[in-house]
Structure formats: structure tokens, C-alpha cells
């Protein structure tokens, strides 16, 4: 079993920055890929970013490319999502997920956190 806990959500103004973290426990953190997804009210959960187990490879959704940065610190069992130049459409519950290889699809991940709310105000 893997336990994932997201931290860092909150209220941020348009154009501002926020950093989310995802603390993992229960397995060797560096053994698999990790990802971030988000879900807005009334919408399905969608891919944001993913990172390989070593951190050497990352992929992003087009909607966040150039604004968000995913990273991980395997020594601290923690993954991060640095969110810059946020927009109102970034408002959602953000979830971290753990899997084997990086994937853009929720089905590619075996474990999920409980989510953290990010609200972008204009």
C-alpha cells in the first residue's frame, strides 16, 4: 500500500504562484512514476503533469506547459508542483498519484491522495 498526502492548496490571485507537495509513504518512493491530476466541479479528472521515477523525464498537459513545473525529491519521499502565472481555469481539486510509469491517464496510476483545493481568484 502507498499513502499519499497533498499539501499546499489554498487561495491565490490571478497571476500568482503556489506550490503543492505530495508526501508519500508505504513503498520505496523512487520505485515508480508520479503524477498530478485536477478535477473542477462537474468535470472529469484530467491530467496535469507526470514525472518519471528518477525525475529525469517529465510530461505536461498543454494547458499548463510553461507555467507549472513538476519535480520530486526521492530522499524526502516528496513530489512537488510549482504553479506560476495561475489562471481562473486552474481552479480545481488537485490530486497526486503514484504508478509504475508516467501516464496521462488516471487508469495508469494505482494510488491516489485525497486531494487539495486550489482556488484562483480574480
N, C-alpha and C. Protein backbone atom coordinates (compact mmCIF):
# COMPACT_ATOMS: atom_id res chain seq x y z
N UNK A 1 0.82 -1.19 0.00
CA UNK A 1 0.00 0.00 0.00
C UNK A 1 0.86 1.25 0.00
N UNK A 2 0.36 2.28 -0.63
CA UNK A 2 1.03 3.58 -0.67
C UNK A 2 0.05 4.61 -0.14
N UNK A 3 0.54 5.45 0.73
CA UNK A 3 -0.25 6.56 1.22
C UNK A 3 0.31 7.86 0.65
N UNK A 4 -0.59 8.68 0.12
CA UNK A 4 -0.21 9.95 -0.48
C UNK A 4 -0.98 11.07 0.19
N UNK A 5 -0.28 12.13 0.56
CA UNK A 5 -0.93 13.27 1.21
C UNK A 5 -0.49 14.55 0.50
N UNK A 6 -1.49 15.26 -0.04
CA UNK A 6 -1.21 16.53 -0.72
C UNK A 6 -1.30 17.69 0.27
N UNK A 7 -0.40 18.63 0.12
CA UNK A 7 -0.40 19.83 0.94
C UNK A 7 -0.14 21.03 0.05
N UNK A 8 -0.56 22.20 0.53
CA UNK A 8 -0.19 23.42 -0.15
C UNK A 8 -1.29 24.11 -0.92
N UNK A 9 -2.46 23.52 -0.97
CA UNK A 9 -3.55 24.19 -1.67
C UNK A 9 -4.01 25.44 -0.94
N UNK A 10 -4.84 26.21 -1.62
CA UNK A 10 -5.36 27.41 -0.99
C UNK A 10 -5.87 28.39 -2.02
N UNK A 11 -6.00 29.63 -1.58
CA UNK A 11 -6.50 30.71 -2.43
C UNK A 11 -5.33 31.53 -2.95
N UNK A 12 -5.32 31.77 -4.25
CA UNK A 12 -4.24 32.55 -4.86
C UNK A 12 -4.86 33.47 -5.91
N UNK A 13 -4.27 34.62 -6.08
CA UNK A 13 -4.79 35.57 -7.06
C UNK A 13 -4.29 35.24 -8.46
N UNK A 14 -5.05 35.68 -9.43
CA UNK A 14 -4.63 35.51 -10.83
C UNK A 14 -3.22 36.07 -11.02
N UNK A 15 -2.39 35.27 -11.69
CA UNK A 15 -1.02 35.68 -11.94
C UNK A 15 -0.06 35.31 -10.83
N UNK A 16 -0.58 34.82 -9.73
CA UNK A 16 0.25 34.46 -8.59
C UNK A 16 0.84 33.07 -8.70
N UNK A 17 1.48 32.64 -7.61
CA UNK A 17 2.14 31.34 -7.58
C UNK A 17 1.73 30.55 -6.35
N UNK A 18 1.83 29.24 -6.49
CA UNK A 18 1.51 28.32 -5.40
C UNK A 18 2.33 27.07 -5.62
N UNK A 19 2.77 26.44 -4.53
CA UNK A 19 3.48 25.18 -4.65
C UNK A 19 2.75 24.10 -3.88
N UNK A 20 2.40 23.05 -4.58
CA UNK A 20 1.79 21.89 -3.97
C UNK A 20 2.86 20.85 -3.69
N UNK A 21 2.66 20.09 -2.63
CA UNK A 21 3.55 18.98 -2.35
C UNK A 21 2.73 17.72 -2.12
N UNK A 22 3.37 16.59 -2.35
CA UNK A 22 2.73 15.29 -2.16
C UNK A 22 3.72 14.41 -1.43
N UNK A 23 3.40 14.10 -0.19
CA UNK A 23 4.26 13.25 0.63
C UNK A 23 3.80 11.81 0.52
N UNK A 24 4.75 10.92 0.25
CA UNK A 24 4.42 9.51 0.05
C UNK A 24 5.02 8.65 1.15
N UNK A 25 4.31 7.60 1.48
CA UNK A 25 4.82 6.62 2.43
C UNK A 25 4.26 5.25 2.07
N UNK A 26 4.90 4.22 2.54
CA UNK A 26 4.38 2.88 2.35
C UNK A 26 5.08 2.06 1.28
N UNK A 27 5.91 2.68 0.46
CA UNK A 27 6.71 1.94 -0.51
C UNK A 27 7.94 2.78 -0.80
N UNK A 28 8.89 2.17 -1.48
CA UNK A 28 10.06 2.92 -1.88
C UNK A 28 9.63 3.99 -2.87
N UNK A 29 9.75 5.23 -2.47
CA UNK A 29 9.24 6.34 -3.26
C UNK A 29 9.82 6.36 -4.66
N UNK A 30 11.07 6.05 -4.78
CA UNK A 30 11.73 6.15 -6.08
C UNK A 30 11.45 4.98 -7.00
N UNK A 31 10.55 4.08 -6.60
CA UNK A 31 10.32 2.88 -7.40
C UNK A 31 9.34 3.09 -8.54
N UNK A 32 8.67 4.25 -8.58
CA UNK A 32 7.69 4.44 -9.63
C UNK A 32 7.49 5.89 -10.02
N UNK A 33 6.76 6.06 -11.12
CA UNK A 33 6.41 7.40 -11.59
C UNK A 33 5.33 8.01 -10.70
N UNK A 34 5.22 9.33 -10.79
CA UNK A 34 4.22 10.06 -10.03
C UNK A 34 3.53 11.05 -10.97
N UNK A 35 2.32 11.42 -10.61
CA UNK A 35 1.60 12.37 -11.46
C UNK A 35 0.70 13.28 -10.66
N UNK A 36 0.32 14.39 -11.30
CA UNK A 36 -0.67 15.32 -10.76
C UNK A 36 -1.87 15.36 -11.71
N UNK A 37 -3.04 15.32 -11.14
CA UNK A 37 -4.28 15.48 -11.89
C UNK A 37 -5.11 16.55 -11.18
N UNK A 38 -6.13 17.05 -11.88
CA UNK A 38 -7.02 18.01 -11.24
C UNK A 38 -8.45 17.77 -11.70
N UNK A 39 -9.37 18.19 -10.85
CA UNK A 39 -10.79 17.98 -11.15
C UNK A 39 -11.56 19.21 -10.70
N UNK A 40 -12.19 19.86 -11.66
CA UNK A 40 -13.04 21.01 -11.38
C UNK A 40 -14.47 20.52 -11.14
N UNK A 41 -15.29 21.31 -10.45
CA UNK A 41 -16.67 20.89 -10.18
C UNK A 41 -17.41 20.55 -11.46
N UNK A 42 -18.05 19.39 -11.48
CA UNK A 42 -18.82 18.98 -12.63
C UNK A 42 -18.01 18.47 -13.80
N UNK A 43 -16.71 18.34 -13.60
CA UNK A 43 -15.84 17.88 -14.69
C UNK A 43 -15.12 16.60 -14.30
N UNK A 44 -14.57 15.95 -15.28
CA UNK A 44 -13.81 14.74 -15.01
C UNK A 44 -12.40 15.11 -14.55
N UNK A 45 -11.74 14.12 -13.98
CA UNK A 45 -10.37 14.32 -13.53
C UNK A 45 -9.45 14.32 -14.75
N UNK A 46 -8.60 15.33 -14.85
CA UNK A 46 -7.74 15.47 -16.02
C UNK A 46 -6.27 15.55 -15.63
N UNK A 47 -5.45 15.17 -16.55
CA UNK A 47 -4.01 15.13 -16.37
C UNK A 47 -3.42 16.53 -16.30
N UNK A 48 -2.44 16.70 -15.42
CA UNK A 48 -1.71 17.96 -15.30
C UNK A 48 -0.24 17.75 -15.66
N UNK A 49 0.41 16.84 -14.95
CA UNK A 49 1.83 16.61 -15.18
C UNK A 49 2.22 15.27 -14.59
N UNK A 50 3.34 14.72 -15.09
CA UNK A 50 3.86 13.47 -14.56
C UNK A 50 5.37 13.50 -14.60
N UNK A 51 5.97 12.69 -13.74
CA UNK A 51 7.43 12.65 -13.64
C UNK A 51 7.87 11.21 -13.46
N UNK A 52 8.96 10.87 -14.12
CA UNK A 52 9.48 9.51 -14.04
C UNK A 52 10.06 9.24 -12.65
N UNK A 53 10.39 8.00 -12.38
CA UNK A 53 10.82 7.65 -11.04
C UNK A 53 12.15 8.32 -10.68
N UNK A 54 12.98 8.56 -11.66
CA UNK A 54 14.26 9.22 -11.38
C UNK A 54 14.14 10.74 -11.39
N UNK A 55 13.05 11.23 -11.98
CA UNK A 55 12.88 12.67 -12.12
C UNK A 55 13.48 13.23 -13.39
N UNK A 56 14.06 12.38 -14.21
CA UNK A 56 14.76 12.86 -15.40
C UNK A 56 13.81 13.15 -16.56
N UNK A 57 12.60 12.63 -16.49
CA UNK A 57 11.65 12.82 -17.58
C UNK A 57 10.33 13.36 -17.03
N UNK A 58 9.81 14.40 -17.69
CA UNK A 58 8.53 14.99 -17.27
C UNK A 58 7.64 15.20 -18.49
N UNK A 59 6.34 15.17 -18.26
CA UNK A 59 5.37 15.48 -19.30
C UNK A 59 4.31 16.39 -18.69
N UNK A 60 3.73 17.25 -19.54
CA UNK A 60 2.76 18.23 -19.08
C UNK A 60 1.56 18.28 -20.01
N UNK A 61 0.44 18.65 -19.43
CA UNK A 61 -0.72 18.99 -20.25
C UNK A 61 -0.42 20.32 -20.95
N UNK A 62 -0.96 20.48 -22.15
CA UNK A 62 -0.72 21.72 -22.89
C UNK A 62 -1.20 22.94 -22.12
N UNK A 63 -2.25 22.77 -21.34
CA UNK A 63 -2.84 23.90 -20.63
C UNK A 63 -1.94 24.47 -19.54
N UNK A 64 -0.95 23.70 -19.09
CA UNK A 64 -0.09 24.18 -18.01
C UNK A 64 1.37 24.28 -18.41
N UNK A 65 1.68 23.83 -19.61
CA UNK A 65 3.07 23.84 -20.08
C UNK A 65 3.62 25.25 -20.07
N UNK A 66 4.81 25.41 -19.49
CA UNK A 66 5.42 26.72 -19.41
C UNK A 66 5.05 27.50 -18.16
N UNK A 67 4.03 27.03 -17.44
CA UNK A 67 3.60 27.72 -16.22
C UNK A 67 3.81 26.86 -14.98
N UNK A 68 3.60 25.57 -15.11
CA UNK A 68 3.75 24.64 -13.98
C UNK A 68 5.02 23.82 -14.14
N UNK A 69 5.61 23.46 -13.01
CA UNK A 69 6.79 22.61 -13.02
C UNK A 69 6.63 21.49 -12.00
N UNK A 70 6.78 20.27 -12.47
CA UNK A 70 6.72 19.11 -11.59
C UNK A 70 8.14 18.70 -11.22
N UNK A 71 8.33 18.30 -9.99
CA UNK A 71 9.64 17.84 -9.55
C UNK A 71 9.46 16.85 -8.41
N UNK A 72 10.52 16.18 -8.04
CA UNK A 72 10.45 15.24 -6.93
C UNK A 72 11.79 15.20 -6.22
N UNK A 73 11.72 14.89 -4.93
CA UNK A 73 12.91 14.71 -4.12
C UNK A 73 12.80 13.31 -3.51
N UNK A 74 13.47 12.36 -4.10
CA UNK A 74 13.34 10.98 -3.64
C UNK A 74 13.90 10.78 -2.24
N UNK A 75 14.85 11.59 -1.85
CA UNK A 75 15.39 11.49 -0.49
C UNK A 75 14.35 11.90 0.55
N UNK A 76 13.41 12.76 0.17
CA UNK A 76 12.38 13.23 1.08
C UNK A 76 11.03 12.57 0.82
N UNK A 77 10.99 11.64 -0.15
CA UNK A 77 9.73 10.97 -0.49
C UNK A 77 8.62 11.98 -0.82
N UNK A 78 8.97 13.01 -1.54
CA UNK A 78 8.02 14.09 -1.80
C UNK A 78 8.09 14.52 -3.26
N UNK A 79 6.91 14.80 -3.80
CA UNK A 79 6.78 15.34 -5.15
C UNK A 79 6.20 16.74 -5.03
N UNK A 80 6.50 17.59 -5.99
CA UNK A 80 6.04 18.97 -5.94
C UNK A 80 5.39 19.38 -7.27
N UNK A 81 4.55 20.39 -7.18
CA UNK A 81 4.02 21.04 -8.37
C UNK A 81 4.10 22.55 -8.12
N UNK A 82 5.03 23.19 -8.81
CA UNK A 82 5.15 24.63 -8.73
C UNK A 82 4.23 25.24 -9.77
N UNK A 83 3.30 26.05 -9.30
CA UNK A 83 2.30 26.65 -10.17
C UNK A 83 2.56 28.14 -10.26
N UNK A 84 2.89 28.62 -11.44
CA UNK A 84 3.15 30.05 -11.65
C UNK A 84 2.14 30.60 -12.65
N UNK A 85 1.98 31.92 -12.63
CA UNK A 85 1.07 32.60 -13.57
C UNK A 85 -0.29 31.92 -13.61
N UNK A 86 -0.84 31.67 -12.45
CA UNK A 86 -2.09 30.90 -12.39
C UNK A 86 -3.25 31.69 -13.00
N UNK A 87 -4.22 30.93 -13.50
CA UNK A 87 -5.39 31.50 -14.16
C UNK A 87 -6.66 30.99 -13.46
N UNK A 88 -7.78 31.66 -13.65
CA UNK A 88 -9.02 31.17 -13.01
C UNK A 88 -9.35 29.74 -13.39
N UNK A 89 -9.01 29.34 -14.61
CA UNK A 89 -9.30 27.97 -15.04
C UNK A 89 -8.42 26.92 -14.37
N UNK A 90 -7.44 27.36 -13.60
CA UNK A 90 -6.65 26.40 -12.82
C UNK A 90 -7.35 25.99 -11.53
N UNK A 91 -8.46 26.64 -11.21
CA UNK A 91 -9.22 26.31 -10.01
C UNK A 91 -9.74 24.88 -10.10
N UNK A 92 -9.38 24.07 -9.10
CA UNK A 92 -9.77 22.66 -9.09
C UNK A 92 -9.25 22.01 -7.82
N UNK A 93 -9.69 20.79 -7.60
CA UNK A 93 -9.05 19.94 -6.59
C UNK A 93 -7.90 19.22 -7.29
N UNK A 94 -6.73 19.31 -6.70
CA UNK A 94 -5.53 18.71 -7.28
C UNK A 94 -5.20 17.42 -6.53
N UNK A 95 -4.95 16.38 -7.30
CA UNK A 95 -4.65 15.06 -6.75
C UNK A 95 -3.27 14.61 -7.19
N UNK A 96 -2.53 14.00 -6.29
CA UNK A 96 -1.31 13.33 -6.70
C UNK A 96 -1.57 11.83 -6.79
N UNK A 97 -0.79 11.19 -7.62
CA UNK A 97 -0.99 9.77 -7.89
C UNK A 97 0.34 9.08 -8.07
N UNK A 98 0.37 7.81 -7.74
CA UNK A 98 1.59 7.00 -7.86
C UNK A 98 1.32 5.80 -8.75
N UNK A 99 2.27 5.54 -9.63
CA UNK A 99 2.13 4.40 -10.53
C UNK A 99 3.48 3.79 -10.83
N UNK A 100 3.56 3.14 -11.98
CA UNK A 100 4.80 2.48 -12.38
C UNK A 100 5.56 3.35 -13.39
N UNK A 101 4.86 3.71 -14.48
CA UNK A 101 5.46 4.56 -15.49
C UNK A 101 4.59 5.79 -15.66
N UNK A 102 5.16 6.86 -16.18
CA UNK A 102 4.41 8.10 -16.38
C UNK A 102 3.27 7.88 -17.36
N UNK A 103 2.13 8.43 -17.02
CA UNK A 103 0.95 8.27 -17.87
C UNK A 103 0.11 9.52 -17.80
N UNK A 104 -0.59 9.82 -18.91
CA UNK A 104 -1.53 10.94 -18.95
C UNK A 104 -2.94 10.51 -18.52
N UNK A 105 -3.11 9.24 -18.18
CA UNK A 105 -4.43 8.71 -17.90
C UNK A 105 -4.56 8.27 -16.45
N UNK A 106 -5.69 8.58 -15.80
CA UNK A 106 -5.88 8.16 -14.41
C UNK A 106 -5.73 6.66 -14.22
N UNK A 107 -6.11 5.89 -15.24
CA UNK A 107 -6.02 4.43 -15.13
C UNK A 107 -4.58 3.95 -15.04
N UNK A 108 -3.65 4.82 -15.33
CA UNK A 108 -2.24 4.43 -15.26
C UNK A 108 -1.63 4.50 -13.88
N UNK A 109 -2.45 4.88 -12.90
CA UNK A 109 -1.95 5.05 -11.53
C UNK A 109 -2.72 4.16 -10.57
N UNK A 110 -2.00 3.66 -9.59
CA UNK A 110 -2.58 2.71 -8.65
C UNK A 110 -3.01 3.34 -7.34
N UNK A 111 -2.39 4.45 -6.97
CA UNK A 111 -2.65 5.06 -5.67
C UNK A 111 -2.90 6.55 -5.84
N UNK A 112 -3.79 7.07 -4.99
CA UNK A 112 -4.21 8.46 -5.08
C UNK A 112 -4.25 9.10 -3.71
N UNK A 113 -3.96 10.39 -3.69
CA UNK A 113 -4.14 11.15 -2.47
C UNK A 113 -5.58 11.61 -2.34
N UNK A 114 -5.86 12.34 -1.27
CA UNK A 114 -7.23 12.77 -1.00
C UNK A 114 -7.58 14.07 -1.71
N UNK A 115 -6.58 14.75 -2.24
CA UNK A 115 -6.81 15.98 -2.98
C UNK A 115 -6.65 17.23 -2.13
N UNK A 116 -6.28 18.32 -2.79
CA UNK A 116 -6.17 19.61 -2.12
C UNK A 116 -6.78 20.68 -3.04
N UNK A 117 -7.57 21.56 -2.45
CA UNK A 117 -8.28 22.56 -3.25
C UNK A 117 -7.37 23.73 -3.59
N UNK A 118 -7.39 24.10 -4.86
CA UNK A 118 -6.71 25.32 -5.31
C UNK A 118 -7.78 26.22 -5.93
N UNK A 119 -7.86 27.43 -5.43
CA UNK A 119 -8.83 28.40 -5.94
C UNK A 119 -8.09 29.64 -6.40
N UNK A 120 -8.30 30.00 -7.66
CA UNK A 120 -7.66 31.18 -8.23
C UNK A 120 -8.71 32.28 -8.31
N UNK A 121 -8.44 33.38 -7.64
CA UNK A 121 -9.41 34.47 -7.61
C UNK A 121 -8.97 35.60 -8.53
N UNK A 122 -9.99 36.21 -9.14
CA UNK A 122 -9.72 37.36 -10.00
C UNK A 122 -10.23 38.62 -9.30
